[in-house]
N, C-alpha and C. Protein backbone atom coordinates (compact mmCIF):
# COMPACT_ATOMS: atom_id res chain seq x y z
N MET A 1 0.84 -1.18 0.00
CA MET A 1 0.00 0.00 0.00
C MET A 1 0.88 1.24 0.00
N LYS A 2 0.56 2.20 -0.88
CA LYS A 2 1.34 3.42 -0.96
C LYS A 2 1.04 4.33 0.23
N HIS A 3 2.05 5.10 0.60
CA HIS A 3 1.89 6.06 1.68
C HIS A 3 1.11 7.27 1.18
N LYS A 4 0.05 7.63 1.87
CA LYS A 4 -0.74 8.79 1.48
C LYS A 4 -0.20 10.03 2.19
N VAL A 5 -0.04 11.10 1.43
CA VAL A 5 0.45 12.35 1.99
C VAL A 5 -0.74 13.14 2.52
N ASP A 6 -0.64 13.57 3.77
CA ASP A 6 -1.69 14.40 4.35
C ASP A 6 -1.45 15.83 3.91
N THR A 7 -2.30 16.33 2.99
CA THR A 7 -2.09 17.67 2.44
C THR A 7 -2.39 18.76 3.45
N GLU A 8 -3.05 18.44 4.54
CA GLU A 8 -3.34 19.42 5.58
C GLU A 8 -2.16 19.58 6.54
N LYS A 9 -1.27 18.61 6.57
CA LYS A 9 -0.16 18.60 7.52
C LYS A 9 1.09 19.15 6.85
N PRO A 10 1.74 20.17 7.44
CA PRO A 10 2.97 20.71 6.84
C PRO A 10 4.07 19.65 6.80
N GLY A 11 4.91 19.74 5.79
CA GLY A 11 6.03 18.82 5.65
C GLY A 11 6.91 19.28 4.51
N ARG A 12 7.83 18.41 4.07
CA ARG A 12 8.73 18.78 2.98
C ARG A 12 7.97 19.05 1.68
N ASP A 13 6.93 18.25 1.41
CA ASP A 13 6.15 18.41 0.19
C ASP A 13 5.10 19.50 0.30
N ASN A 14 4.79 19.91 1.52
CA ASN A 14 3.75 20.91 1.76
C ASN A 14 4.20 21.85 2.88
N PRO A 15 5.21 22.69 2.61
CA PRO A 15 5.73 23.56 3.68
C PRO A 15 4.75 24.69 4.01
N VAL A 16 4.90 25.21 5.21
CA VAL A 16 4.11 26.35 5.64
C VAL A 16 4.67 27.60 4.98
N TRP A 17 3.80 28.42 4.39
CA TRP A 17 4.25 29.66 3.75
C TRP A 17 4.21 30.78 4.77
N THR A 18 5.33 31.47 4.89
CA THR A 18 5.43 32.62 5.78
C THR A 18 5.39 33.90 4.96
N LYS A 19 5.40 35.05 5.64
CA LYS A 19 5.43 36.33 4.91
C LYS A 19 6.68 36.41 4.05
N ASP A 20 7.80 35.89 4.55
CA ASP A 20 9.05 35.90 3.80
C ASP A 20 8.95 35.02 2.55
N THR A 21 8.29 33.87 2.68
CA THR A 21 8.11 32.97 1.54
C THR A 21 7.28 33.66 0.46
N PHE A 22 6.21 34.31 0.85
CA PHE A 22 5.38 35.03 -0.12
C PHE A 22 6.16 36.17 -0.77
N ALA A 23 7.00 36.85 0.00
CA ALA A 23 7.78 37.96 -0.54
C ALA A 23 8.79 37.49 -1.59
N ARG A 24 9.32 36.26 -1.43
CA ARG A 24 10.30 35.72 -2.37
C ARG A 24 9.65 35.01 -3.56
N ALA A 25 8.35 34.81 -3.53
CA ALA A 25 7.66 34.07 -4.60
C ALA A 25 7.74 34.83 -5.92
N ARG A 26 7.87 34.08 -7.01
CA ARG A 26 7.95 34.66 -8.36
C ARG A 26 6.95 33.93 -9.26
N PRO A 27 6.48 34.58 -10.33
CA PRO A 27 5.55 33.91 -11.26
C PRO A 27 6.21 32.71 -11.94
N ALA A 28 5.40 31.72 -12.28
CA ALA A 28 5.92 30.52 -12.93
C ALA A 28 6.58 30.87 -14.26
N THR A 29 6.07 31.88 -14.97
CA THR A 29 6.66 32.27 -16.26
C THR A 29 8.09 32.79 -16.08
N GLU A 30 8.38 33.32 -14.91
CA GLU A 30 9.72 33.83 -14.63
C GLU A 30 10.65 32.71 -14.16
N VAL A 31 10.14 31.81 -13.34
CA VAL A 31 10.95 30.73 -12.77
C VAL A 31 11.18 29.60 -13.77
N LEU A 32 10.15 29.23 -14.51
CA LEU A 32 10.22 28.11 -15.45
C LEU A 32 9.79 28.56 -16.86
N PRO A 33 10.54 29.48 -17.49
CA PRO A 33 10.10 30.02 -18.78
C PRO A 33 9.99 28.96 -19.88
N ASP A 34 10.86 27.95 -19.87
CA ASP A 34 10.81 26.92 -20.90
C ASP A 34 9.59 26.01 -20.73
N LEU A 35 9.21 25.78 -19.50
CA LEU A 35 8.08 24.90 -19.23
C LEU A 35 6.76 25.63 -19.44
N VAL A 36 6.64 26.84 -18.92
CA VAL A 36 5.40 27.60 -18.99
C VAL A 36 5.34 28.40 -20.28
N GLY A 37 6.42 29.06 -20.63
CA GLY A 37 6.51 29.78 -21.89
C GLY A 37 5.75 31.10 -21.91
N GLN A 38 5.96 31.83 -22.98
CA GLN A 38 5.34 33.14 -23.16
C GLN A 38 3.85 33.03 -23.41
N ARG A 39 3.40 31.95 -24.08
CA ARG A 39 1.99 31.82 -24.39
C ARG A 39 1.14 31.86 -23.14
N ALA A 40 1.62 31.24 -22.06
CA ALA A 40 0.85 31.24 -20.82
C ALA A 40 0.77 32.64 -20.24
N ALA A 41 1.85 33.40 -20.33
CA ALA A 41 1.84 34.77 -19.81
C ALA A 41 0.87 35.63 -20.61
N VAL A 42 0.86 35.47 -21.92
CA VAL A 42 -0.04 36.24 -22.77
C VAL A 42 -1.48 35.83 -22.52
N ALA A 43 -1.72 34.53 -22.35
CA ALA A 43 -3.08 34.04 -22.12
C ALA A 43 -3.66 34.59 -20.83
N MET A 44 -2.80 34.83 -19.83
CA MET A 44 -3.29 35.35 -18.56
C MET A 44 -3.75 36.80 -18.71
N LEU A 45 -3.25 37.52 -19.69
CA LEU A 45 -3.61 38.92 -19.87
C LEU A 45 -4.87 39.10 -20.71
N LYS A 46 -5.25 38.07 -21.47
CA LYS A 46 -6.43 38.17 -22.33
C LYS A 46 -7.70 38.14 -21.49
N PRO A 47 -8.66 38.99 -21.83
CA PRO A 47 -9.93 38.90 -21.12
C PRO A 47 -10.64 37.60 -21.48
N ARG A 48 -11.34 37.03 -20.54
CA ARG A 48 -12.02 35.76 -20.77
C ARG A 48 -13.49 36.00 -21.07
N GLY A 49 -14.08 35.02 -21.71
CA GLY A 49 -15.52 35.05 -21.95
C GLY A 49 -15.90 35.76 -23.23
N ARG A 50 -17.17 35.94 -23.36
CA ARG A 50 -17.76 36.54 -24.55
C ARG A 50 -17.53 38.06 -24.54
N PRO A 51 -17.23 38.64 -25.71
CA PRO A 51 -17.07 40.11 -25.75
C PRO A 51 -18.38 40.82 -25.42
N LYS A 52 -18.28 41.98 -24.84
CA LYS A 52 -19.47 42.76 -24.47
C LYS A 52 -20.17 43.26 -25.73
N ALA A 53 -21.49 43.12 -25.75
CA ALA A 53 -22.29 43.56 -26.89
C ALA A 53 -22.50 45.07 -26.81
N ALA A 54 -22.67 45.70 -27.96
CA ALA A 54 -22.92 47.14 -27.99
C ALA A 54 -24.24 47.46 -27.30
N GLN A 55 -25.24 46.63 -27.55
CA GLN A 55 -26.53 46.77 -26.88
C GLN A 55 -26.77 45.52 -26.06
N ALA A 56 -26.61 45.64 -24.75
CA ALA A 56 -26.78 44.48 -23.88
C ALA A 56 -28.25 44.06 -23.85
N ARG A 57 -28.48 42.78 -23.78
CA ARG A 57 -29.85 42.27 -23.71
C ARG A 57 -30.22 42.03 -22.25
N THR A 58 -31.51 41.98 -22.00
CA THR A 58 -32.02 41.76 -20.65
C THR A 58 -32.61 40.36 -20.57
N ALA A 59 -32.21 39.62 -19.54
CA ALA A 59 -32.76 38.28 -19.34
C ALA A 59 -34.15 38.40 -18.72
N ILE A 60 -35.08 37.59 -19.24
CA ILE A 60 -36.44 37.56 -18.69
C ILE A 60 -36.88 36.11 -18.56
N SER A 61 -37.98 35.94 -17.89
CA SER A 61 -38.60 34.62 -17.81
C SER A 61 -39.90 34.70 -18.59
N LEU A 62 -40.09 33.80 -19.53
CA LEU A 62 -41.27 33.83 -20.40
C LEU A 62 -41.87 32.43 -20.46
N ARG A 63 -43.15 32.35 -20.18
CA ARG A 63 -43.83 31.05 -20.22
C ARG A 63 -44.53 30.90 -21.57
N LEU A 64 -44.14 29.89 -22.31
CA LEU A 64 -44.72 29.61 -23.63
C LEU A 64 -45.31 28.21 -23.64
N PRO A 65 -46.32 27.99 -24.48
CA PRO A 65 -46.83 26.62 -24.63
C PRO A 65 -45.70 25.73 -25.19
N PRO A 66 -45.63 24.49 -24.74
CA PRO A 66 -44.56 23.60 -25.18
C PRO A 66 -44.49 23.44 -26.69
N GLU A 67 -45.66 23.38 -27.36
CA GLU A 67 -45.62 23.20 -28.82
C GLU A 67 -45.05 24.43 -29.53
N THR A 68 -45.29 25.62 -28.99
CA THR A 68 -44.73 26.84 -29.58
C THR A 68 -43.21 26.82 -29.47
N LEU A 69 -42.73 26.50 -28.31
CA LEU A 69 -41.28 26.45 -28.10
C LEU A 69 -40.63 25.38 -28.98
N GLU A 70 -41.26 24.24 -29.09
CA GLU A 70 -40.71 23.16 -29.92
C GLU A 70 -40.64 23.58 -31.39
N ARG A 71 -41.64 24.32 -31.86
CA ARG A 71 -41.61 24.78 -33.25
C ARG A 71 -40.45 25.74 -33.49
N TRP A 72 -40.22 26.63 -32.53
CA TRP A 72 -39.08 27.56 -32.67
C TRP A 72 -37.76 26.79 -32.67
N LYS A 73 -37.61 25.87 -31.73
CA LYS A 73 -36.36 25.09 -31.65
C LYS A 73 -36.15 24.24 -32.89
N ALA A 74 -37.21 23.78 -33.50
CA ALA A 74 -37.11 22.93 -34.69
C ALA A 74 -36.56 23.71 -35.89
N THR A 75 -36.56 25.04 -35.83
CA THR A 75 -36.01 25.83 -36.94
C THR A 75 -34.49 25.81 -36.95
N GLY A 76 -33.88 25.22 -35.93
CA GLY A 76 -32.43 25.05 -35.91
C GLY A 76 -31.70 26.10 -35.08
N PRO A 77 -30.36 26.00 -35.09
CA PRO A 77 -29.56 26.95 -34.31
C PRO A 77 -29.87 28.39 -34.71
N GLY A 78 -29.85 29.27 -33.71
CA GLY A 78 -30.16 30.67 -33.97
C GLY A 78 -31.63 30.99 -33.80
N TRP A 79 -32.41 30.04 -33.28
CA TRP A 79 -33.85 30.26 -33.14
C TRP A 79 -34.16 31.41 -32.21
N GLN A 80 -33.35 31.62 -31.17
CA GLN A 80 -33.62 32.71 -30.24
C GLN A 80 -33.40 34.07 -30.92
N THR A 81 -32.36 34.17 -31.72
CA THR A 81 -32.10 35.41 -32.45
C THR A 81 -33.22 35.70 -33.43
N ARG A 82 -33.68 34.67 -34.13
CA ARG A 82 -34.80 34.86 -35.07
C ARG A 82 -36.07 35.28 -34.33
N MET A 83 -36.29 34.72 -33.15
CA MET A 83 -37.46 35.10 -32.36
C MET A 83 -37.37 36.57 -31.97
N VAL A 84 -36.20 37.02 -31.56
CA VAL A 84 -35.99 38.42 -31.17
C VAL A 84 -36.26 39.34 -32.36
N GLU A 85 -35.78 38.95 -33.54
CA GLU A 85 -35.99 39.78 -34.73
C GLU A 85 -37.48 39.92 -35.06
N ILE A 86 -38.23 38.84 -34.98
CA ILE A 86 -39.66 38.89 -35.26
C ILE A 86 -40.40 39.70 -34.21
N LEU A 87 -40.01 39.55 -32.95
CA LEU A 87 -40.64 40.35 -31.89
C LEU A 87 -40.34 41.83 -32.08
N ALA A 88 -39.12 42.16 -32.49
CA ALA A 88 -38.74 43.55 -32.72
C ALA A 88 -39.57 44.15 -33.86
N LYS A 89 -39.82 43.38 -34.91
CA LYS A 89 -40.65 43.87 -36.02
C LYS A 89 -42.08 44.08 -35.58
N ALA A 90 -42.57 43.23 -34.71
CA ALA A 90 -43.96 43.32 -34.25
C ALA A 90 -44.18 44.54 -33.37
N VAL A 91 -43.15 45.03 -32.74
CA VAL A 91 -43.28 46.21 -31.88
C VAL A 91 -43.24 47.40 -32.76
């Protein structure tokens, strides 16, 4: 049976970090540039997620009959956008 390391207990593999340890800490891109590389540093600077829309939409809750919703979904990907366009024309 292999020896299990208690990750909650300080030791050689899991030392206690002091203020001095934190002060001496450096980013992985600086310490291991060949392993981490520049791509990782650049990726950390990129904003994540979907870009912000010029006109933000508002989330709502809408109750529709199941058959109505199924018909919209059956039109394929983009059905929500098409629904918005038709609603916008109706207004």
